[in-house]
C-alpha atoms as a PDB file:
ATOM      1  CA  UNK A   1     -32.620 -46.411 -15.203  1.00  0.00           C
ATOM      2  CA  UNK A   2     -31.853 -43.224 -13.284  1.00  0.00           C
ATOM      3  CA  UNK A   3     -28.263 -42.165 -12.873  1.00  0.00           C
ATOM      4  CA  UNK A   4     -26.620 -42.884  -9.540  1.00  0.00           C
ATOM      5  CA  UNK A   5     -24.300 -39.921  -9.854  1.00  0.00           C
ATOM      6  CA  UNK A   6     -25.395 -37.383  -7.183  1.00  0.00           C
ATOM      7  CA  UNK A   7     -24.134 -34.526  -9.355  1.00  0.00           C
ATOM      8  CA  UNK A   8     -26.837 -35.182 -11.950  1.00  0.00           C
ATOM      9  CA  UNK A   9     -29.457 -33.296  -9.961  1.00  0.00           C
ATOM     10  CA  UNK A  10     -27.493 -30.183 -10.892  1.00  0.00           C
ATOM     11  CA  UNK A  11     -28.100 -30.802 -14.588  1.00  0.00           C
ATOM     12  CA  UNK A  12     -29.738 -27.722 -16.085  1.00  0.00           C
ATOM     13  CA  UNK A  13     -31.059 -26.740 -19.467  1.00  0.00           C
ATOM     14  CA  UNK A  14     -28.480 -24.589 -21.252  1.00  0.00           C
ATOM     15  CA  UNK A  15     -31.208 -22.170 -22.375  1.00  0.00           C
ATOM     16  CA  UNK A  16     -31.744 -21.171 -18.726  1.00  0.00           C
ATOM     17  CA  UNK A  17     -28.087 -20.254 -18.110  1.00  0.00           C
ATOM     18  CA  UNK A  18     -27.505 -16.530 -17.623  1.00  0.00           C
ATOM     19  CA  UNK A  19     -23.761 -16.257 -18.255  1.00  0.00           C
ATOM     20  CA  UNK A  20     -23.573 -12.557 -17.376  1.00  0.00           C
ATOM     21  CA  UNK A  21     -25.403 -12.998 -14.037  1.00  0.00           C
ATOM     22  CA  UNK A  22     -23.148 -15.905 -13.056  1.00  0.00           C
ATOM     23  CA  UNK A  23     -20.041 -13.984 -14.120  1.00  0.00           C
ATOM     24  CA  UNK A  24     -21.127 -10.884 -12.162  1.00  0.00           C
ATOM     25  CA  UNK A  25     -21.642 -12.979  -9.014  1.00  0.00           C
ATOM     26  CA  UNK A  26     -18.347 -14.824  -9.442  1.00  0.00           C
ATOM     27  CA  UNK A  27     -16.499 -11.534  -9.967  1.00  0.00           C
ATOM     28  CA  UNK A  28     -18.175 -10.148  -6.838  1.00  0.00           C
ATOM     29  CA  UNK A  29     -16.642 -12.934  -4.749  1.00  0.00           C
ATOM     30  CA  UNK A  30     -13.252 -12.349  -6.387  1.00  0.00           C
ATOM     31  CA  UNK A  31     -13.474  -8.649  -5.485  1.00  0.00           C
ATOM     32  CA  UNK A  32     -14.410  -9.393  -1.870  1.00  0.00           C
ATOM     33  CA  UNK A  33     -11.505 -11.818  -1.618  1.00  0.00           C
ATOM     34  CA  UNK A  34      -9.037  -9.283  -3.042  1.00  0.00           C
ATOM     35  CA  UNK A  35     -10.152  -6.517  -0.674  1.00  0.00           C
ATOM     36  CA  UNK A  36     -10.119  -8.728   2.390  1.00  0.00           C
ATOM     37  CA  UNK A  37      -6.695 -10.163   1.477  1.00  0.00           C
ATOM     38  CA  UNK A  38      -5.312  -6.627   1.342  1.00  0.00           C
ATOM     39  CA  UNK A  39      -6.419  -5.905   4.930  1.00  0.00           C
ATOM     40  CA  UNK A  40      -4.461  -8.494   6.914  1.00  0.00           C
ATOM     41  CA  UNK A  41      -6.357  -7.775  10.153  1.00  0.00           C
ATOM     42  CA  UNK A  42      -9.627  -9.044   8.707  1.00  0.00           C
ATOM     43  CA  UNK A  43      -8.593 -12.689   8.591  1.00  0.00           C
ATOM     44  CA  UNK A  44     -12.029 -14.064   9.556  1.00  0.00           C
ATOM     45  CA  UNK A  45     -13.767 -12.116   6.777  1.00  0.00           C
ATOM     46  CA  UNK A  46     -11.140 -13.287   4.303  1.00  0.00           C
ATOM     47  CA  UNK A  47     -11.945 -16.873   5.271  1.00  0.00           C
ATOM     48  CA  UNK A  48     -15.648 -16.228   4.718  1.00  0.00           C
ATOM     49  CA  UNK A  49     -14.951 -14.610   1.346  1.00  0.00           C
ATOM     50  CA  UNK A  50     -12.841 -17.522   0.143  1.00  0.00           C
ATOM     51  CA  UNK A  51     -15.423 -20.023   1.380  1.00  0.00           C
ATOM     52  CA  UNK A  52     -18.257 -18.160  -0.327  1.00  0.00           C
ATOM     53  CA  UNK A  53     -16.310 -18.006  -3.586  1.00  0.00           C
ATOM     54  CA  UNK A  54     -15.424 -21.699  -3.414  1.00  0.00           C
ATOM     55  CA  UNK A  55     -19.017 -22.777  -2.709  1.00  0.00           C
ATOM     56  CA  UNK A  56     -20.386 -20.517  -5.438  1.00  0.00           C
ATOM     57  CA  UNK A  57     -17.959 -21.768  -8.080  1.00  0.00           C
ATOM     58  CA  UNK A  58     -18.420 -25.406  -7.120  1.00  0.00           C
ATOM     59  CA  UNK A  59     -22.242 -25.433  -7.055  1.00  0.00           C
ATOM     60  CA  UNK A  60     -23.290 -22.645  -9.412  1.00  0.00           C
ATOM     61  CA  UNK A  61     -20.598 -23.107 -12.059  1.00  0.00           C
ATOM     62  CA  UNK A  62     -18.667 -26.392 -11.893  1.00  0.00           C
ATOM     63  CA  UNK A  63     -21.551 -28.725 -11.022  1.00  0.00           C
ATOM     64  CA  UNK A  64     -24.363 -26.805 -12.667  1.00  0.00           C
ATOM     65  CA  UNK A  65     -22.523 -26.338 -15.947  1.00  0.00           C
ATOM     66  CA  UNK A  66     -20.497 -29.546 -16.073  1.00  0.00           C
ATOM     67  CA  UNK A  67     -22.491 -30.705 -19.115  1.00  0.00           C
ATOM     68  CA  UNK A  68     -21.937 -27.336 -20.813  1.00  0.00           C
ATOM     69  CA  UNK A  69     -18.160 -26.696 -20.730  1.00  0.00           C
ATOM     70  CA  UNK A  70     -18.465 -23.905 -23.291  1.00  0.00           C
ATOM     71  CA  UNK A  71     -20.819 -21.984 -20.995  1.00  0.00           C
ATOM     72  CA  UNK A  72     -18.569 -22.698 -18.004  1.00  0.00           C
ATOM     73  CA  UNK A  73     -15.681 -21.172 -19.918  1.00  0.00           C
ATOM     74  CA  UNK A  74     -17.779 -18.128 -20.883  1.00  0.00           C
ATOM     75  CA  UNK A  75     -18.662 -17.543 -17.215  1.00  0.00           C
ATOM     76  CA  UNK A  76     -14.990 -17.798 -16.199  1.00  0.00           C
ATOM     77  CA  UNK A  77     -13.792 -15.542 -18.990  1.00  0.00           C
ATOM     78  CA  UNK A  78     -16.404 -12.873 -18.261  1.00  0.00           C
ATOM     79  CA  UNK A  79     -15.932 -13.048 -14.468  1.00  0.00           C
ATOM     80  CA  UNK A  80     -12.191 -12.536 -14.799  1.00  0.00           C
ATOM     81  CA  UNK A  81     -12.726  -9.681 -17.276  1.00  0.00           C
ATOM     82  CA  UNK A  82     -14.988  -7.947 -14.749  1.00  0.00           C
ATOM     83  CA  UNK A  83     -12.538  -8.616 -11.928  1.00  0.00           C
ATOM     84  CA  UNK A  84      -9.516  -7.499 -13.960  1.00  0.00           C
ATOM     85  CA  UNK A  85     -11.183  -4.210 -14.912  1.00  0.00           C
ATOM     86  CA  UNK A  86     -12.111  -3.572 -11.278  1.00  0.00           C
ATOM     87  CA  UNK A  87      -8.664  -4.577  -9.931  1.00  0.00           C
ATOM     88  CA  UNK A  88      -6.879  -2.234 -12.317  1.00  0.00           C
ATOM     89  CA  UNK A  89      -9.364   0.580 -11.687  1.00  0.00           C
ATOM     90  CA  UNK A  90     -11.234   1.010  -8.390  1.00  0.00           C
ATOM     91  CA  UNK A  91      -9.132  -1.447  -6.379  1.00  0.00           C
ATOM     92  CA  UNK A  92      -5.820   0.041  -7.513  1.00  0.00           C
ATOM     93  CA  UNK A  93      -7.062   3.557  -6.687  1.00  0.00           C
ATOM     94  CA  UNK A  94      -8.527   2.526  -3.314  1.00  0.00           C
ATOM     95  CA  UNK A  95      -5.274   0.975  -2.116  1.00  0.00           C
ATOM     96  CA  UNK A  96      -2.982   3.352  -4.033  1.00  0.00           C
ATOM     97  CA  UNK A  97      -1.416   0.540  -6.035  1.00  0.00           C
ATOM     98  CA  UNK A  98       0.830   1.390  -8.946  1.00  0.00           C
ATOM     99  CA  UNK A  99       0.282  -0.937 -11.882  1.00  0.00           C
ATOM    100  CA  UNK A 100       2.602  -0.363 -14.841  1.00  0.00           C
ATOM    101  CA  UNK A 101       0.688   1.068 -17.835  1.00  0.00           C
ATOM    102  CA  UNK A 102       1.778  -1.775 -20.098  1.00  0.00           C
ATOM    103  CA  UNK A 103       0.080  -4.270 -17.789  1.00  0.00           C
ATOM    104  CA  UNK A 104      -3.060  -2.224 -17.269  1.00  0.00           C
ATOM    105  CA  UNK A 105      -3.461  -1.332 -20.912  1.00  0.00           C
ATOM    106  CA  UNK A 106      -3.371  -4.798 -22.422  1.00  0.00           C
ATOM    107  CA  UNK A 107      -3.248  -8.430 -21.468  1.00  0.00           C
ATOM    108  CA  UNK A 108       0.049 -10.241 -21.703  1.00  0.00           C
ATOM    109  CA  UNK A 109       0.893 -11.292 -25.209  1.00  0.00           C
ATOM    110  CA  UNK A 110       3.158 -14.118 -24.107  1.00  0.00           C
ATOM    111  CA  UNK A 111       2.301 -17.404 -25.750  1.00  0.00           C
ATOM    112  CA  UNK A 112       1.794 -20.215 -23.329  1.00  0.00           C
ATOM    113  CA  UNK A 113       3.762 -23.402 -23.982  1.00  0.00           C
ATOM    114  CA  UNK A 114       1.816 -26.028 -25.891  1.00  0.00           C
ATOM    115  CA  UNK A 115       3.050 -28.851 -23.649  1.00  0.00           C
ATOM    116  CA  UNK A 116       0.890 -27.949 -20.660  1.00  0.00           C
ATOM    117  CA  UNK A 117      -1.212 -30.278 -18.579  1.00  0.00           C
ATOM    118  CA  UNK A 118      -3.857 -29.764 -15.937  1.00  0.00           C
ATOM    119  CA  UNK A 119      -2.817 -30.379 -12.360  1.00  0.00           C
ATOM    120  CA  UNK A 120      -4.587 -33.440 -10.977  1.00  0.00           C
ATOM    121  CA  UNK A 121      -6.446 -33.092  -7.637  1.00  0.00           C
ATOM    122  CA  UNK A 122      -4.070 -35.576  -5.974  1.00  0.00           C
ATOM    123  CA  UNK A 123      -1.086 -33.527  -7.185  1.00  0.00           C
ATOM    124  CA  UNK A 124      -2.680 -30.328  -5.897  1.00  0.00           C
ATOM    125  CA  UNK A 125      -3.062 -31.913  -2.456  1.00  0.00           C
ATOM    126  CA  UNK A 126       0.596 -33.003  -2.509  1.00  0.00           C
ATOM    127  CA  UNK A 127       1.730 -29.500  -3.501  1.00  0.00           C
ATOM    128  CA  UNK A 128      -0.285 -27.931  -0.704  1.00  0.00           C
ATOM    129  CA  UNK A 129       1.101 -30.398   1.851  1.00  0.00           C
ATOM    130  CA  UNK A 130       4.630 -29.546   0.691  1.00  0.00           C
ATOM    131  CA  UNK A 131       4.517 -25.918  -0.497  1.00  0.00           C
ATOM    132  CA  UNK A 132       8.313 -25.769  -0.671  1.00  0.00           C
ATOM    133  CA  UNK A 133       8.080 -27.934  -3.802  1.00  0.00           C
ATOM    134  CA  UNK A 134       6.100 -25.156  -5.520  1.00  0.00           C
ATOM    135  CA  UNK A 135       8.848 -22.557  -5.041  1.00  0.00           C
ATOM    136  CA  UNK A 136      10.806 -23.754  -8.079  1.00  0.00           C
ATOM    137  CA  UNK A 137       7.789 -24.305 -10.315  1.00  0.00           C
ATOM    138  CA  UNK A 138       6.185 -22.070 -12.918  1.00  0.00           C
ATOM    139  CA  UNK A 139       2.449 -22.246 -13.378  1.00  0.00           C
ATOM    140  CA  UNK A 140       0.502 -21.013 -16.380  1.00  0.00           C
ATOM    141  CA  UNK A 141      -2.972 -19.568 -16.296  1.00  0.00           C
ATOM    142  CA  UNK A 142      -5.214 -18.651 -19.187  1.00  0.00           C
ATOM    143  CA  UNK A 143      -8.577 -17.398 -17.997  1.00  0.00           C
ATOM    144  CA  UNK A 144     -10.170 -14.706 -20.110  1.00  0.00           C
ATOM    145  CA  UNK A 145      -7.830 -11.759 -20.531  1.00  0.00           C
ATOM    146  CA  UNK A 146      -5.769 -13.008 -17.631  1.00  0.00           C
ATOM    147  CA  UNK A 147      -2.979 -15.046 -19.206  1.00  0.00           C
ATOM    148  CA  UNK A 148       0.582 -15.734 -18.282  1.00  0.00           C
ATOM    149  CA  UNK A 149       2.971 -17.170 -15.771  1.00  0.00           C
ATOM    150  CA  UNK A 150       2.768 -17.133 -11.994  1.00  0.00           C
ATOM    151  CA  UNK A 151       4.893 -18.603  -9.263  1.00  0.00           C
ATOM    152  CA  UNK A 152       4.826 -19.038  -5.527  1.00  0.00           C
ATOM    153  CA  UNK A 153       6.972 -16.265  -4.104  1.00  0.00           C
ATOM    154  CA  UNK A 154       6.770 -17.384  -0.454  1.00  0.00           C
ATOM    155  CA  UNK A 155       4.654 -19.126   2.139  1.00  0.00           C
ATOM    156  CA  UNK A 156       4.424 -18.804   5.876  1.00  0.00           C
ATOM    157  CA  UNK A 157       2.253 -19.985   8.772  1.00  0.00           C
ATOM    158  CA  UNK A 158      -0.481 -17.592   9.791  1.00  0.00           C
ATOM    159  CA  UNK A 159      -2.009 -16.940  13.218  1.00  0.00           C
ATOM    160  CA  UNK A 160      -5.029 -19.159  12.553  1.00  0.00           C
ATOM    161  CA  UNK A 161      -2.814 -22.234  12.108  1.00  0.00           C
ATOM    162  CA  UNK A 162      -3.015 -22.266   8.326  1.00  0.00           C
ATOM    163  CA  UNK A 163      -0.580 -21.116   5.680  1.00  0.00           C
ATOM    164  CA  UNK A 164      -0.471 -17.830   3.782  1.00  0.00           C
ATOM    165  CA  UNK A 165       0.796 -18.144   0.205  1.00  0.00           C
ATOM    166  CA  UNK A 166       2.250 -15.164  -1.683  1.00  0.00           C
ATOM    167  CA  UNK A 167       1.677 -15.596  -5.421  1.00  0.00           C
ATOM    168  CA  UNK A 168       3.644 -13.465  -7.878  1.00  0.00           C
ATOM    169  CA  UNK A 169       2.416 -12.740 -11.399  1.00  0.00           C
ATOM    170  CA  UNK A 170       4.481 -11.443 -14.281  1.00  0.00           C
ATOM    171  CA  UNK A 171       4.628  -7.658 -14.198  1.00  0.00           C
ATOM    172  CA  UNK A 172       1.981  -7.393 -11.478  1.00  0.00           C
ATOM    173  CA  UNK A 173       1.711  -7.043  -7.730  1.00  0.00           C
ATOM    174  CA  UNK A 174       1.821 -10.177  -5.501  1.00  0.00           C
ATOM    175  CA  UNK A 175      -1.394 -11.599  -4.077  1.00  0.00           C
ATOM    176  CA  UNK A 176      -1.863 -13.350  -0.725  1.00  0.00           C
ATOM    177  CA  UNK A 177      -3.921 -16.540  -0.692  1.00  0.00           C
ATOM    178  CA  UNK A 178      -4.935 -18.982   2.000  1.00  0.00           C
ATOM    179  CA  UNK A 179      -5.125 -22.751   1.432  1.00  0.00           C
ATOM    180  CA  UNK A 180      -8.560 -22.637  -0.181  1.00  0.00           C
ATOM    181  CA  UNK A 181      -7.457 -19.816  -2.454  1.00  0.00           C
ATOM    182  CA  UNK A 182      -4.251 -21.519  -3.604  1.00  0.00           C
ATOM    183  CA  UNK A 183      -6.144 -24.787  -4.147  1.00  0.00           C
ATOM    184  CA  UNK A 184      -8.675 -23.014  -6.359  1.00  0.00           C
ATOM    185  CA  UNK A 185      -5.897 -21.195  -8.211  1.00  0.00           C
ATOM    186  CA  UNK A 186      -4.024 -24.454  -8.842  1.00  0.00           C
ATOM    187  CA  UNK A 187      -7.185 -26.034 -10.278  1.00  0.00           C
ATOM    188  CA  UNK A 188      -7.310 -23.234 -12.850  1.00  0.00           C
ATOM    189  CA  UNK A 189      -3.640 -23.448 -13.779  1.00  0.00           C
ATOM    190  CA  UNK A 190      -1.437 -25.734 -15.810  1.00  0.00           C
ATOM    191  CA  UNK A 191       2.168 -26.848 -15.543  1.00  0.00           C
ATOM    192  CA  UNK A 192       4.791 -27.894 -18.098  1.00  0.00           C
ATOM    193  CA  UNK A 193       5.032 -31.605 -18.792  1.00  0.00           C
END
C-alpha cells in the first residue's frame, strides 16, 4: 500500500544528494538576507530574500532529506561555514563592520548546557505572538562552527505592519530579522529545560 503522507514524494536516494551544492545555495540565501537586512530601505527585497530562503530550506533540505538526517546536518553545517566565512570577510568589509579578532579567528568554545530541548512549533508560534516573553530568555544554537548563546535584544513594529526583531549574539553584532527569519532561527535553536 502506498503511503498517504504527501511528503513522501520528496523521498530521494541518498547517493544523488550533492551536499556541497545544497550548502552553497543555502548559504547564498543567507548572504542575500544579511545584505538586505543591513539596508533598511530595501524592505521588499528583504521579504523576498527571507521567503526564498524559507522555501529553499523547507523543500530542498527539510523535506527532501528528512529520511537522511545526517546529510541534512552536513548541508546545514557546510552552509553556515560558508556564510560565516563570508560574513566575517566580504560582508564585514563591505559594511565596515568591526568584528573582534577573537570572534573572527575561532568559533566560540563555550559548552552548551546538556539539558537543552528543541522548541516545539506550537511554542514558537506562542513566542512570536508574544515577543516580550522572549526578552528574558536565552537561546542556544549549534549549527556548524556557529555555536553559542543568543537573545532577543528588542522588537518593534515595522512600516509593513510586521515586527522587526533584533537578535544579539555573544561577542558579535546584532542582526535584524522579520517574523519569518525569527521563526526559522527559533526552529534551529534550543532552550534550557
